[in-house]
C-alpha atoms as a PDB file:
ATOM      1  CA  MET A   1      27.706  -3.113 -18.071  1.00  0.00           C
ATOM      2  CA  ILE A   2      28.425  -5.899 -15.371  1.00  0.00           C
ATOM      3  CA  LYS A   3      31.438  -7.999 -16.165  1.00  0.00           C
ATOM      4  CA  HIS A   4      31.936 -11.674 -15.741  1.00  0.00           C
ATOM      5  CA  LEU A   5      33.562 -12.159 -12.440  1.00  0.00           C
ATOM      6  CA  SER A   6      37.115 -13.823 -12.309  1.00  0.00           C
ATOM      7  CA  TYR A   7      39.050 -13.677  -9.362  1.00  0.00           C
ATOM      8  CA  LYS A   8      42.239 -15.867 -10.160  1.00  0.00           C
ATOM      9  CA  TRP A   9      45.133 -13.736 -11.794  1.00  0.00           C
ATOM     10  CA  LEU A  10      46.998 -15.373 -14.473  1.00  0.00           C
ATOM     11  CA  LEU A  11      50.455 -14.593 -15.298  1.00  0.00           C
ATOM     12  CA  VAL A  12      50.386 -12.390 -18.433  1.00  0.00           C
ATOM     13  CA  LEU A  13      53.634 -11.575 -20.089  1.00  0.00           C
ATOM     14  CA  LEU A  14      53.426  -9.555 -23.278  1.00  0.00           C
ATOM     15  CA  LEU A  15      56.326  -9.777 -25.693  1.00  0.00           C
ATOM     16  CA  VAL A  16      56.351  -7.010 -28.158  1.00  0.00           C
ATOM     17  CA  PHE A  17      58.925  -5.942 -30.733  1.00  0.00           C
ATOM     18  CA  SER A  18      60.079  -2.266 -31.234  1.00  0.00           C
ATOM     19  CA  ASN A  19      62.569  -0.597 -33.701  1.00  0.00           C
ATOM     20  CA  SER A  20      64.914   0.353 -30.863  1.00  0.00           C
ATOM     21  CA  ALA A  21      67.556  -1.892 -29.547  1.00  0.00           C
ATOM     22  CA  ILE A  22      66.877  -1.010 -25.929  1.00  0.00           C
ATOM     23  CA  TYR A  23      63.299  -2.245 -26.277  1.00  0.00           C
ATOM     24  CA  SER A  24      64.017  -5.228 -28.697  1.00  0.00           C
ATOM     25  CA  GLN A  25      62.053  -7.796 -26.324  1.00  0.00           C
ATOM     26  CA  VAL A  26      59.603  -6.148 -23.982  1.00  0.00           C
ATOM     27  CA  ILE A  27      57.629  -7.355 -20.811  1.00  0.00           C
ATOM     28  CA  ARG A  28      55.474  -4.290 -20.278  1.00  0.00           C
ATOM     29  CA  CYS A  29      54.585  -5.228 -16.597  1.00  0.00           C
ATOM     30  CA  GLY A  30      55.546  -7.613 -14.217  1.00  0.00           C
ATOM     31  CA  THR A  31      53.188  -7.191 -11.261  1.00  0.00           C
ATOM     32  CA  VAL A  32      51.109 -10.342 -11.843  1.00  0.00           C
ATOM     33  CA  GLU A  33      54.387 -12.415 -11.563  1.00  0.00           C
ATOM     34  CA  PHE A  34      55.376 -10.510  -8.611  1.00  0.00           C
ATOM     35  CA  GLU A  35      52.255 -11.098  -6.721  1.00  0.00           C
ATOM     36  CA  ALA A  36      52.116 -14.857  -7.857  1.00  0.00           C
ATOM     37  CA  GLU A  37      55.763 -15.324  -6.176  1.00  0.00           C
ATOM     38  CA  ARG A  38      54.627 -13.564  -2.989  1.00  0.00           C
ATOM     39  CA  ARG A  39      51.900 -15.841  -2.460  1.00  0.00           C
ATOM     40  CA  GLN A  40      54.244 -18.733  -2.791  1.00  0.00           C
ATOM     41  CA  GLN A  41      56.705 -17.339  -0.155  1.00  0.00           C
ATOM     42  CA  LEU A  42      54.228 -15.497   2.228  1.00  0.00           C
ATOM     43  CA  GLN A  43      52.044 -18.051   4.240  1.00  0.00           C
ATOM     44  CA  GLY A  44      48.689 -16.618   5.104  1.00  0.00           C
ATOM     45  CA  MET A  45      48.849 -13.827   2.392  1.00  0.00           C
ATOM     46  CA  GLN A  46      45.346 -12.631   1.327  1.00  0.00           C
ATOM     47  CA  THR A  47      43.701 -14.052  -1.680  1.00  0.00           C
ATOM     48  CA  ASP A  48      42.425 -11.842  -4.438  1.00  0.00           C
ATOM     49  CA  GLU A  49      38.944 -13.062  -3.427  1.00  0.00           C
ATOM     50  CA  GLU A  50      39.457 -11.401   0.128  1.00  0.00           C
ATOM     51  CA  PHE A  51      40.726  -8.217  -1.183  1.00  0.00           C
ATOM     52  CA  GLU A  52      38.021  -7.610  -3.502  1.00  0.00           C
ATOM     53  CA  THR A  53      35.450  -8.491  -1.051  1.00  0.00           C
ATOM     54  CA  TRP A  54      36.834  -5.984   1.405  1.00  0.00           C
ATOM     55  CA  LEU A  55      37.507  -3.508  -1.239  1.00  0.00           C
ATOM     56  CA  SER A  56      33.942  -3.816  -2.598  1.00  0.00           C
ATOM     57  CA  GLU A  57      32.435  -3.378   0.730  1.00  0.00           C
ATOM     58  CA  LYS A  58      34.737  -0.190   1.429  1.00  0.00           C
ATOM     59  CA  ILE A  59      33.662   1.292  -1.934  1.00  0.00           C
ATOM     60  CA  THR A  60      29.828   0.670  -1.110  1.00  0.00           C
ATOM     61  CA  GLU A  61      30.456   2.709   2.266  1.00  0.00           C
ATOM     62  CA  LYS A  62      32.271   5.480   0.603  1.00  0.00           C
ATOM     63  CA  ARG A  63      29.623   6.001  -1.957  1.00  0.00           C
ATOM     64  CA  ALA A  64      26.589   5.838   0.520  1.00  0.00           C
ATOM     65  CA  LEU A  65      28.419   8.459   2.589  1.00  0.00           C
ATOM     66  CA  GLU A  66      29.280  10.770  -0.653  1.00  0.00           C
ATOM     67  CA  ALA A  67      25.424  10.514  -1.524  1.00  0.00           C
ATOM     68  CA  GLN A  68      24.469  11.950   1.872  1.00  0.00           C
ATOM     69  CA  GLY A  69      26.935  14.531   1.654  1.00  0.00           C
ATOM     70  CA  LEU A  70      29.097  13.285   4.481  1.00  0.00           C
ATOM     71  CA  ILE A  71      32.444  12.983   2.622  1.00  0.00           C
ATOM     72  CA  ILE A  72      34.229  16.109   1.244  1.00  0.00           C
ATOM     73  CA  ASN A  73      36.638  14.941  -1.215  1.00  0.00           C
ATOM     74  CA  GLY A  74      39.971  16.496  -1.804  1.00  0.00           C
ATOM     75  CA  VAL A  75      43.414  16.223  -3.288  1.00  0.00           C
ATOM     76  CA  TYR A  76      45.643  13.545  -1.696  1.00  0.00           C
ATOM     77  CA  GLN A  77      49.481  14.274  -1.967  1.00  0.00           C
ATOM     78  CA  ILE A  78      51.972  11.170  -1.919  1.00  0.00           C
ATOM     79  CA  PRO A  79      55.465  11.823  -0.879  1.00  0.00           C
ATOM     80  CA  VAL A  80      58.010  10.100  -3.130  1.00  0.00           C
ATOM     81  CA  VAL A  81      61.303   9.029  -2.694  1.00  0.00           C
ATOM     82  CA  VAL A  82      63.383   7.834  -5.719  1.00  0.00           C
ATOM     83  CA  HIS A  83      66.022   4.920  -5.291  1.00  0.00           C
ATOM     84  CA  VAL A  84      68.589   5.582  -8.186  1.00  0.00           C
ATOM     85  CA  VAL A  85      70.785   2.254  -8.230  1.00  0.00           C
ATOM     86  CA  HIS A  86      73.402   2.967 -10.678  1.00  0.00           C
ATOM     87  CA  ASN A  87      76.810   1.488 -11.426  1.00  0.00           C
ATOM     88  CA  GLY A  88      78.867   4.241 -10.139  1.00  0.00           C
ATOM     89  CA  GLU A  89      78.418   6.512 -13.540  1.00  0.00           C
ATOM     90  CA  ALA A  90      78.174  10.466 -13.363  1.00  0.00           C
ATOM     91  CA  VAL A  91      74.943  11.744 -12.402  1.00  0.00           C
ATOM     92  CA  GLY A  92      72.867  12.219 -15.611  1.00  0.00           C
ATOM     93  CA  THR A  93      74.901   9.475 -17.210  1.00  0.00           C
ATOM     94  CA  GLY A  94      73.654   5.943 -18.018  1.00  0.00           C
ATOM     95  CA  THR A  95      71.749   4.382 -15.162  1.00  0.00           C
ATOM     96  CA  ASN A  96      72.379   7.409 -12.923  1.00  0.00           C
ATOM     97  CA  ILE A  97      69.421   9.164 -14.325  1.00  0.00           C
ATOM     98  CA  SER A  98      69.548  13.081 -13.699  1.00  0.00           C
ATOM     99  CA  TYR A  99      67.357  14.949 -11.310  1.00  0.00           C
ATOM    100  CA  ALA A 100      65.467  16.547 -14.359  1.00  0.00           C
ATOM    101  CA  ALA A 101      64.494  13.341 -15.565  1.00  0.00           C
ATOM    102  CA  ILE A 102      63.110  12.298 -11.918  1.00  0.00           C
ATOM    103  CA  GLN A 103      61.262  15.742 -11.968  1.00  0.00           C
ATOM    104  CA  SER A 104      59.813  15.158 -15.343  1.00  0.00           C
ATOM    105  CA  GLN A 105      58.502  11.885 -14.243  1.00  0.00           C
ATOM    106  CA  ILE A 106      56.662  13.359 -11.386  1.00  0.00           C
ATOM    107  CA  ASP A 107      55.053  15.823 -13.638  1.00  0.00           C
ATOM    108  CA  VAL A 108      53.959  12.889 -15.846  1.00  0.00           C
ATOM    109  CA  LEU A 109      52.273  11.391 -12.662  1.00  0.00           C
ATOM    110  CA  ASN A 110      50.497  14.557 -11.938  1.00  0.00           C
ATOM    111  CA  GLU A 111      49.423  15.224 -15.554  1.00  0.00           C
ATOM    112  CA  ASP A 112      48.156  11.725 -15.525  1.00  0.00           C
ATOM    113  CA  PHE A 113      46.395  11.406 -12.167  1.00  0.00           C
ATOM    114  CA  ARG A 114      45.136  14.927 -12.392  1.00  0.00           C
ATOM    115  CA  ARG A 115      43.845  14.779 -15.941  1.00  0.00           C
ATOM    116  CA  ILE A 116      45.488  18.153 -16.389  1.00  0.00           C
ATOM    117  CA  LEU A 117      44.326  20.440 -19.360  1.00  0.00           C
ATOM    118  CA  GLY A 118      46.770  20.987 -22.053  1.00  0.00           C
ATOM    119  CA  THR A 119      48.917  18.007 -21.360  1.00  0.00           C
ATOM    120  CA  PRO A 120      49.237  14.523 -22.510  1.00  0.00           C
ATOM    121  CA  GLY A 121      47.246  13.348 -19.409  1.00  0.00           C
ATOM    122  CA  TRP A 122      44.315  15.253 -20.574  1.00  0.00           C
ATOM    123  CA  ASN A 123      41.405  13.362 -22.292  1.00  0.00           C
ATOM    124  CA  ASN A 124      37.665  14.392 -23.047  1.00  0.00           C
ATOM    125  CA  HIS A 125      36.227  11.067 -22.463  1.00  0.00           C
ATOM    126  CA  PRO A 126      32.836  11.123 -20.535  1.00  0.00           C
ATOM    127  CA  ASP A 127      34.185   8.651 -18.220  1.00  0.00           C
ATOM    128  CA  GLY A 128      37.599  10.183 -17.741  1.00  0.00           C
ATOM    129  CA  ALA A 129      38.598  11.316 -14.252  1.00  0.00           C
ATOM    130  CA  ASP A 130      40.713  13.410 -12.235  1.00  0.00           C
ATOM    131  CA  THR A 131      41.558  11.210  -9.498  1.00  0.00           C
ATOM    132  CA  GLU A 132      42.696  14.098  -7.183  1.00  0.00           C
ATOM    133  CA  ILE A 133      45.905  12.184  -6.554  1.00  0.00           C
ATOM    134  CA  GLU A 134      49.203  13.981  -6.592  1.00  0.00           C
ATOM    135  CA  PHE A 135      52.646  13.231  -6.357  1.00  0.00           C
ATOM    136  CA  CYS A 136      55.825  15.168  -4.887  1.00  0.00           C
ATOM    137  CA  LEU A 137      59.346  14.571  -4.162  1.00  0.00           C
ATOM    138  CA  ALA A 138      60.069  14.080  -0.186  1.00  0.00           C
ATOM    139  CA  ARG A 139      61.572  16.981   1.218  1.00  0.00           C
ATOM    140  CA  ARG A 140      62.984  15.434   4.496  1.00  0.00           C
ATOM    141  CA  LYS A 141      65.031  12.115   4.940  1.00  0.00           C
ATOM    142  CA  PRO A 142      63.995   9.492   7.350  1.00  0.00           C
ATOM    143  CA  ASP A 143      66.230  11.260  10.308  1.00  0.00           C
ATOM    144  CA  GLY A 144      64.579  14.562   9.371  1.00  0.00           C
ATOM    145  CA  THR A 145      67.465  16.154   7.594  1.00  0.00           C
ATOM    146  CA  ALA A 146      67.170  17.664   4.243  1.00  0.00           C
ATOM    147  CA  PHE A 147      68.379  15.865   0.958  1.00  0.00           C
ATOM    148  CA  ALA A 148      71.848  16.465  -0.341  1.00  0.00           C
ATOM    149  CA  ASN A 149      72.725  18.866  -3.257  1.00  0.00           C
ATOM    150  CA  GLY A 150      69.116  20.161  -3.613  1.00  0.00           C
ATOM    151  CA  GLU A 151      67.928  17.131  -4.889  1.00  0.00           C
ATOM    152  CA  ASP A 152      64.762  16.597  -3.003  1.00  0.00           C
ATOM    153  CA  GLY A 153      63.279  12.812  -2.855  1.00  0.00           C
ATOM    154  CA  VAL A 154      66.442  11.549  -4.350  1.00  0.00           C
ATOM    155  CA  ASN A 155      68.459   8.618  -2.796  1.00  0.00           C
ATOM    156  CA  ARG A 156      71.314   7.664  -5.119  1.00  0.00           C
ATOM    157  CA  ILE A 157      72.862   4.141  -4.655  1.00  0.00           C
ATOM    158  CA  ASN A 158      76.226   3.115  -6.055  1.00  0.00           C
ATOM    159  CA  ARG A 159      75.699  -0.332  -6.367  1.00  0.00           C
ATOM    160  CA  ASN A 160      79.561  -1.044  -5.976  1.00  0.00           C
ATOM    161  CA  THR A 161      79.490   0.667  -2.444  1.00  0.00           C
ATOM    162  CA  ALA A 162      76.289  -1.201  -1.494  1.00  0.00           C
ATOM    163  CA  GLY A 163      77.595  -4.512  -2.353  1.00  0.00           C
ATOM    164  CA  PHE A 164      74.969  -5.233  -4.940  1.00  0.00           C
ATOM    165  CA  THR A 165      75.909  -7.506  -7.701  1.00  0.00           C
ATOM    166  CA  ALA A 166      76.269  -6.213 -11.325  1.00  0.00           C
ATOM    167  CA  PRO A 167      72.997  -5.494 -13.294  1.00  0.00           C
ATOM    168  CA  PRO A 168      70.709  -6.123 -14.978  1.00  0.00           C
ATOM    169  CA  TYR A 169      68.663  -7.289 -12.033  1.00  0.00           C
ATOM    170  CA  ALA A 170      66.071  -9.843 -11.675  1.00  0.00           C
ATOM    171  CA  GLN A 171      62.873  -9.381  -9.436  1.00  0.00           C
ATOM    172  CA  THR A 172      63.935 -11.978  -7.164  1.00  0.00           C
ATOM    173  CA  TYR A 173      67.171 -10.277  -6.462  1.00  0.00           C
ATOM    174  CA  ILE A 174      65.502  -6.847  -6.148  1.00  0.00           C
ATOM    175  CA  ASN A 175      63.021  -8.264  -3.648  1.00  0.00           C
ATOM    176  CA  GLY A 176      65.355 -10.080  -1.668  1.00  0.00           C
ATOM    177  CA  THR A 177      68.166  -7.605  -1.291  1.00  0.00           C
ATOM    178  CA  ILE A 178      67.754  -4.221  -2.957  1.00  0.00           C
ATOM    179  CA  LYS A 179      64.678  -3.158  -1.439  1.00  0.00           C
ATOM    180  CA  PRO A 180      65.378  -4.324   1.968  1.00  0.00           C
ATOM    181  CA  TYR A 181      68.700  -2.421   1.659  1.00  0.00           C
ATOM    182  CA  CYS A 182      66.646   0.830   1.258  1.00  0.00           C
ATOM    183  CA  THR A 183      63.446   0.173   3.599  1.00  0.00           C
ATOM    184  CA  VAL A 184      65.409  -1.632   6.364  1.00  0.00           C
ATOM    185  CA  THR A 185      68.962  -0.770   6.378  1.00  0.00           C
ATOM    186  CA  GLN A 186      68.467   2.876   5.250  1.00  0.00           C
ATOM    187  CA  GLY A 187      65.137   3.329   7.072  1.00  0.00           C
ATOM    188  CA  TRP A 188      62.756   4.418   4.085  1.00  0.00           C
ATOM    189  CA  ASP A 189      59.530   3.608   5.624  1.00  0.00           C
ATOM    190  CA  PRO A 190      56.799   2.744   3.126  1.00  0.00           C
ATOM    191  CA  GLY A 191      54.374   4.111   5.549  1.00  0.00           C
ATOM    192  CA  LYS A 192      55.890   7.569   4.909  1.00  0.00           C
ATOM    193  CA  TYR A 193      57.218   7.456   1.430  1.00  0.00           C
ATOM    194  CA  MET A 194      56.190   5.823  -1.692  1.00  0.00           C
ATOM    195  CA  ASN A 195      59.463   3.860  -2.568  1.00  0.00           C
ATOM    196  CA  PHE A 196      60.146   4.198  -6.177  1.00  0.00           C
ATOM    197  CA  TRP A 197      63.207   2.281  -7.525  1.00  0.00           C
ATOM    198  CA  SER A 198      65.075   3.216 -10.604  1.00  0.00           C
ATOM    199  CA  MET A 199      67.550   0.638 -11.952  1.00  0.00           C
ATOM    200  CA  ASN A 200      68.707  -1.628 -14.947  1.00  0.00           C
ATOM    201  CA  LEU A 201      66.007  -4.457 -15.027  1.00  0.00           C
ATOM    202  CA  GLY A 202      66.778  -7.702 -16.488  1.00  0.00           C
ATOM    203  CA  ASN A 203      64.784  -9.905 -19.070  1.00  0.00           C
ATOM    204  CA  GLY A 204      63.311  -6.789 -20.883  1.00  0.00           C
ATOM    205  CA  LEU A 205      60.992  -6.008 -18.021  1.00  0.00           C
ATOM    206  CA  LEU A 206      59.768  -2.346 -17.817  1.00  0.00           C
ATOM    207  CA  GLY A 207      58.348  -2.265 -14.304  1.00  0.00           C
ATOM    208  CA  TYR A 208      56.344  -3.877 -11.634  1.00  0.00           C
ATOM    209  CA  ALA A 209      54.543  -2.714  -8.435  1.00  0.00           C
ATOM    210  CA  GLN A 210      53.433  -4.498  -5.009  1.00  0.00           C
ATOM    211  CA  PHE A 211      49.735  -4.648  -4.872  1.00  0.00           C
ATOM    212  CA  PRO A 212      48.130  -3.298  -1.782  1.00  0.00           C
ATOM    213  CA  THR A 213      46.810  -5.353   1.053  1.00  0.00           C
ATOM    214  CA  SER A 214      43.394  -5.389   2.930  1.00  0.00           C
ATOM    215  CA  VAL A 215      42.706  -5.608   6.956  1.00  0.00           C
ATOM    216  CA  ILE A 216      41.856  -9.357   6.415  1.00  0.00           C
ATOM    217  CA  GLY A 217      44.121 -12.154   5.450  1.00  0.00           C
ATOM    218  CA  GLY A 218      48.122 -11.804   5.224  1.00  0.00           C
ATOM    219  CA  MET A 219      48.520  -9.402   7.901  1.00  0.00           C
ATOM    220  CA  GLY A 220      50.961 -11.829   9.724  1.00  0.00           C
ATOM    221  CA  CYS A 221      53.229 -11.037   6.869  1.00  0.00           C
ATOM    222  CA  GLY A 222      53.024  -7.318   7.182  1.00  0.00           C
ATOM    223  CA  ALA A 223      56.438  -6.672   7.939  1.00  0.00           C
ATOM    224  CA  GLN A 224      57.951  -8.790   5.253  1.00  0.00           C
ATOM    225  CA  SER A 225      55.516  -6.957   2.838  1.00  0.00           C
ATOM    226  CA  GLY A 226      56.207  -3.579   3.870  1.00  0.00           C
ATOM    227  CA  ASN A 227      60.071  -4.458   3.306  1.00  0.00           C
ATOM    228  CA  THR A 228      59.400  -4.732  -0.340  1.00  0.00           C
ATOM    229  CA  ASP A 229      56.564  -2.431  -0.802  1.00  0.00           C
ATOM    230  CA  GLY A 230      56.480   0.237  -3.626  1.00  0.00           C
ATOM    231  CA  VAL A 231      57.228   0.349  -7.535  1.00  0.00           C
ATOM    232  CA  VAL A 232      60.140  -0.588  -9.805  1.00  0.00           C
ATOM    233  CA  MET A 233      61.327   0.772 -13.003  1.00  0.00           C
ATOM    234  CA  LEU A 234      63.648   0.423 -15.751  1.00  0.00           C
ATOM    235  CA  TYR A 235      65.740   3.609 -15.762  1.00  0.00           C
ATOM    236  CA  SER A 236      65.226   4.240 -19.513  1.00  0.00           C
ATOM    237  CA  SER A 237      61.471   4.023 -19.131  1.00  0.00           C
ATOM    238  CA  ILE A 238      61.418   7.026 -16.558  1.00  0.00           C
ATOM    239  CA  GLY A 239      60.415  10.485 -17.231  1.00  0.00           C
ATOM    240  CA  LYS A 240      59.668  12.497 -20.368  1.00  0.00           C
ATOM    241  CA  SER A 241      61.836  11.765 -23.615  1.00  0.00           C
ATOM    242  CA  ALA A 242      62.060  15.670 -24.184  1.00  0.00           C
ATOM    243  CA  VAL A 243      64.115  15.625 -21.087  1.00  0.00           C
ATOM    244  CA  THR A 244      65.734  12.295 -21.083  1.00  0.00           C
ATOM    245  CA  GLY A 245      66.246  11.562 -24.862  1.00  0.00           C
ATOM    246  CA  PHE A 246      65.329   7.815 -24.238  1.00  0.00           C
ATOM    247  CA  PRO A 247      63.908   6.117 -27.453  1.00  0.00           C
ATOM    248  CA  ALA A 248      60.279   5.260 -28.049  1.00  0.00           C
ATOM    249  CA  PRO A 249      57.880   3.666 -27.472  1.00  0.00           C
ATOM    250  CA  TYR A 250      57.973   3.434 -23.599  1.00  0.00           C
ATOM    251  CA  ASN A 251      59.885   6.838 -22.953  1.00  0.00           C
ATOM    252  CA  GLU A 252      57.281   9.035 -21.801  1.00  0.00           C
ATOM    253  CA  GLY A 253      56.863   8.033 -18.302  1.00  0.00           C
ATOM    254  CA  ARG A 254      53.601   6.027 -18.580  1.00  0.00           C
ATOM    255  CA  THR A 255      55.218   2.710 -17.289  1.00  0.00           C
ATOM    256  CA  ALA A 256      55.286   4.494 -13.688  1.00  0.00           C
ATOM    257  CA  THR A 257      51.732   5.648 -14.244  1.00  0.00           C
ATOM    258  CA  HIS A 258      50.674   2.139 -14.813  1.00  0.00           C
ATOM    259  CA  GLU A 259      52.485   0.438 -12.112  1.00  0.00           C
ATOM    260  CA  ILE A 260      51.621   2.984  -9.401  1.00  0.00           C
ATOM    261  CA  GLY A 261      47.672   2.208 -10.651  1.00  0.00           C
ATOM    262  CA  HIS A 262      48.573  -1.467  -9.565  1.00  0.00           C
ATOM    263  CA  TRP A 263      50.230  -0.133  -6.309  1.00  0.00           C
ATOM    264  CA  LEU A 264      46.863   1.549  -5.447  1.00  0.00           C
ATOM    265  CA  GLY A 265      44.905  -1.210  -6.262  1.00  0.00           C
ATOM    266  CA  LEU A 266      43.802  -1.283 -10.108  1.00  0.00           C
ATOM    267  CA  ARG A 267      43.835  -4.420 -12.175  1.00  0.00           C
ATOM    268  CA  HIS A 268      44.781  -4.834 -15.978  1.00  0.00           C
ATOM    269  CA  ILE A 269      41.786  -3.683 -18.044  1.00  0.00           C
ATOM    270  CA  TRP A 270      41.166  -7.457 -19.402  1.00  0.00           C
ATOM    271  CA  GLY A 271      41.219  -8.743 -15.598  1.00  0.00           C
ATOM    272  CA  ASP A 272      44.349 -11.019 -16.377  1.00  0.00           C
ATOM    273  CA  ALA A 273      42.179 -13.660 -18.056  1.00  0.00           C
ATOM    274  CA  LEU A 274      41.829 -14.010 -21.694  1.00  0.00           C
ATOM    275  CA  ASN A 275      38.674 -14.373 -24.107  1.00  0.00           C
ATOM    276  CA  CYS A 276      36.504 -11.943 -22.307  1.00  0.00           C
ATOM    277  CA  THR A 277      36.287 -13.786 -18.926  1.00  0.00           C
ATOM    278  CA  GLY A 278      38.458 -11.432 -16.807  1.00  0.00           C
ATOM    279  CA  ASP A 279      37.344  -8.750 -14.431  1.00  0.00           C
ATOM    280  CA  ASP A 280      39.143  -5.419 -13.504  1.00  0.00           C
ATOM    281  CA  PHE A 281      36.021  -4.557 -11.235  1.00  0.00           C
ATOM    282  CA  CYS A 282      35.444  -1.171 -13.176  1.00  0.00           C
ATOM    283  CA  ASN A 283      31.889  -1.127 -14.979  1.00  0.00           C
ATOM    284  CA  ASP A 284      33.297   2.036 -17.004  1.00  0.00           C
ATOM    285  CA  THR A 285      36.143   0.202 -18.647  1.00  0.00           C
ATOM    286  CA  PRO A 286      34.749  -1.826 -21.737  1.00  0.00           C
ATOM    287  CA  MET A 287      35.233  -5.696 -21.577  1.00  0.00           C
ATOM    288  CA  THR A 288      38.652  -6.669 -23.136  1.00  0.00           C
ATOM    289  CA  SER A 289      39.804  -9.950 -24.193  1.00  0.00           C
ATOM    290  CA  GLN A 290      43.244  -9.544 -23.719  1.00  0.00           C
ATOM    291  CA  SER A 291      46.104  -6.906 -23.622  1.00  0.00           C
ATOM    292  CA  ASN A 292      46.708  -4.447 -26.440  1.00  0.00           C
ATOM    293  CA  ALA A 293      50.149  -3.341 -27.994  1.00  0.00           C
ATOM    294  CA  GLY A 294      51.031  -0.320 -30.048  1.00  0.00           C
ATOM    295  CA  CYS A 295      48.071   1.918 -30.460  1.00  0.00           C
ATOM    296  CA  PRO A 296      45.268   0.131 -32.110  1.00  0.00           C
ATOM    297  CA  VAL A 297      42.442   2.800 -32.370  1.00  0.00           C
ATOM    298  CA  GLY A 298      39.080   1.259 -32.705  1.00  0.00           C
ATOM    299  CA  THR A 299      40.056  -2.358 -31.836  1.00  0.00           C
ATOM    300  CA  ASN A 300      37.240  -4.534 -30.279  1.00  0.00           C
ATOM    301  CA  THR A 301      38.062  -7.614 -29.020  1.00  0.00           C
ATOM    302  CA  CYS A 302      34.940  -8.542 -26.919  1.00  0.00           C
ATOM    303  CA  THR A 303      31.702  -8.247 -29.228  1.00  0.00           C
ATOM    304  CA  THR A 304      29.123 -10.401 -27.121  1.00  0.00           C
ATOM    305  CA  THR A 305      28.347  -8.050 -24.264  1.00  0.00           C
ATOM    306  CA  PRO A 306      25.222  -6.127 -24.282  1.00  0.00           C
ATOM    307  CA  ILE A 307      27.130  -2.705 -25.036  1.00  0.00           C
ATOM    308  CA  ASP A 308      29.579  -3.497 -27.676  1.00  0.00           C
ATOM    309  CA  ALA A 309      32.256  -0.948 -26.895  1.00  0.00           C
ATOM    310  CA  PRO A 310      35.615  -0.796 -28.474  1.00  0.00           C
ATOM    311  CA  ASP A 311      38.536  -1.755 -26.120  1.00  0.00           C
ATOM    312  CA  MET A 312      39.729   1.272 -24.205  1.00  0.00           C
ATOM    313  CA  ILE A 313      43.289   1.164 -25.515  1.00  0.00           C
ATOM    314  CA  GLU A 314      44.095   4.672 -24.159  1.00  0.00           C
ATOM    315  CA  ASN A 315      43.666   3.467 -20.523  1.00  0.00           C
ATOM    316  CA  TYR A 316      46.740   3.559 -18.489  1.00  0.00           C
ATOM    317  CA  MET A 317      46.112   0.005 -17.251  1.00  0.00           C
ATOM    318  CA  ASP A 318      46.467  -1.666 -20.872  1.00  0.00           C
ATOM    319  CA  TYR A 319      49.813  -2.347 -22.609  1.00  0.00           C
ATOM    320  CA  THR A 320      49.637   0.193 -25.198  1.00  0.00           C
ATOM    321  CA  TYR A 321      52.596   2.437 -26.205  1.00  0.00           C
ATOM    322  CA  ASP A 322      53.030   5.463 -23.766  1.00  0.00           C
ATOM    323  CA  ALA A 323      52.063   8.177 -26.308  1.00  0.00           C
ATOM    324  CA  CYS A 324      48.793   6.324 -26.767  1.00  0.00           C
ATOM    325  CA  MET A 325      47.672   6.548 -22.941  1.00  0.00           C
ATOM    326  CA  ASN A 326      45.644   9.334 -21.377  1.00  0.00           C
ATOM    327  CA  ILE A 327      42.763   7.978 -19.042  1.00  0.00           C
ATOM    328  CA  PHE A 328      41.912   6.604 -15.787  1.00  0.00           C
ATOM    329  CA  THR A 329      38.275   6.430 -15.341  1.00  0.00           C
ATOM    330  CA  LYS A 330      35.695   7.277 -12.570  1.00  0.00           C
ATOM    331  CA  ASP A 331      35.517   3.659 -11.355  1.00  0.00           C
ATOM    332  CA  GLN A 332      39.201   3.415 -11.237  1.00  0.00           C
ATOM    333  CA  LYS A 333      39.421   6.681  -9.384  1.00  0.00           C
ATOM    334  CA  MET A 334      36.955   5.187  -6.943  1.00  0.00           C
ATOM    335  CA  ARG A 335      39.123   1.992  -6.325  1.00  0.00           C
ATOM    336  CA  MET A 336      42.295   4.089  -5.974  1.00  0.00           C
ATOM    337  CA  ARG A 337      41.013   6.559  -3.569  1.00  0.00           C
ATOM    338  CA  THR A 338      39.300   3.839  -1.527  1.00  0.00           C
ATOM    339  CA  VAL A 339      42.387   2.094  -1.289  1.00  0.00           C
ATOM    340  CA  LEU A 340      44.608   5.036  -0.522  1.00  0.00           C
ATOM    341  CA  GLU A 341      41.900   5.914   2.514  1.00  0.00           C
ATOM    342  CA  ASN A 342      42.025   2.418   3.716  1.00  0.00           C
ATOM    343  CA  SER A 343      44.620   0.026   3.024  1.00  0.00           C
ATOM    344  CA  PRO A 344      47.383  -0.577   5.381  1.00  0.00           C
ATOM    345  CA  ILE A 345      50.480   1.521   4.453  1.00  0.00           C
ATOM    346  CA  ARG A 346      48.555   3.406   1.910  1.00  0.00           C
ATOM    347  CA  ALA A 347      46.560   5.305   4.299  1.00  0.00           C
ATOM    348  CA  SER A 348      49.492   6.417   6.376  1.00  0.00           C
ATOM    349  CA  LEU A 349      50.803   8.018   3.378  1.00  0.00           C
ATOM    350  CA  ILE A 350      48.186  10.909   3.071  1.00  0.00           C
ATOM    351  CA  ARG A 351      49.082  11.709   6.525  1.00  0.00           C
ATOM    352  CA  SER A 352      52.953  11.539   6.148  1.00  0.00           C
ATOM    353  CA  ASP A 353      54.956  14.559   7.446  1.00  0.00           C
END
């Protein structure tokens, strides 16, 4: 099934209501909004058309080489540093989340990206894929020394000591102040670490990511883009509920799975356009009219296509509840691995020491 091509991103903000006060009004993902703001701020930043043209060519090249047996695929490991921005609480309290919570989030990522049998990341869908991408907490700080207190890959930041304003934090403040503090002042190079921020986000936002770049367009702004590269998460959406005790329905670590999907080049499955006009550039994700909330099994929002397939509500790139999600597809795997092998900053991560 070939989807109708639509290259312009629309800002799609989904407001859903939950029984829990902490999730009384939720914006599932803020990546599209973040990218729109970056385009306004950075002159010469690549367009969606440029990126998709570049990525399509790279995917075509990769498929051709694989068909000739000239590519031996393997597992890529991405080193992660988690910046825990807290308000001075004791470790394991409030925004200063525990190391166990952080480790459980890494476990979720690996279960989901590796499609591990016997875990919530497993599915038996014929298009389901083990992406062969893994995540591990970094073992060395930028100066080569070990992490303190046996907390590999964790950078705890007391916002009072750092001079940050009181939370909750808006995207503008995070991108202009908190991120550069970590990447520039502290030296957490996004070419060596996947920067992962945990903090108290404002306006009901669960998380957002920075989309990758291609080698065409926007490269004059590479340094600025690098300063803000990574993923940002609401602290209470991180990790497994069995470890954290955080309330449903966004408490099983799938916000991070979703945002890292964006960070590796995936679009939302409805293509960020309504009424079945969008494209996520993956032919094995059925056409979808809009985002889905909850876990509406069997829903089908696009019925005019030649193959009348239900919406893939279980896909990590929809807006459904954490417990509903369990699939990346083969085409999504191809996009993410091609980005990881070719995109600036991303490609250096798989060679990071």
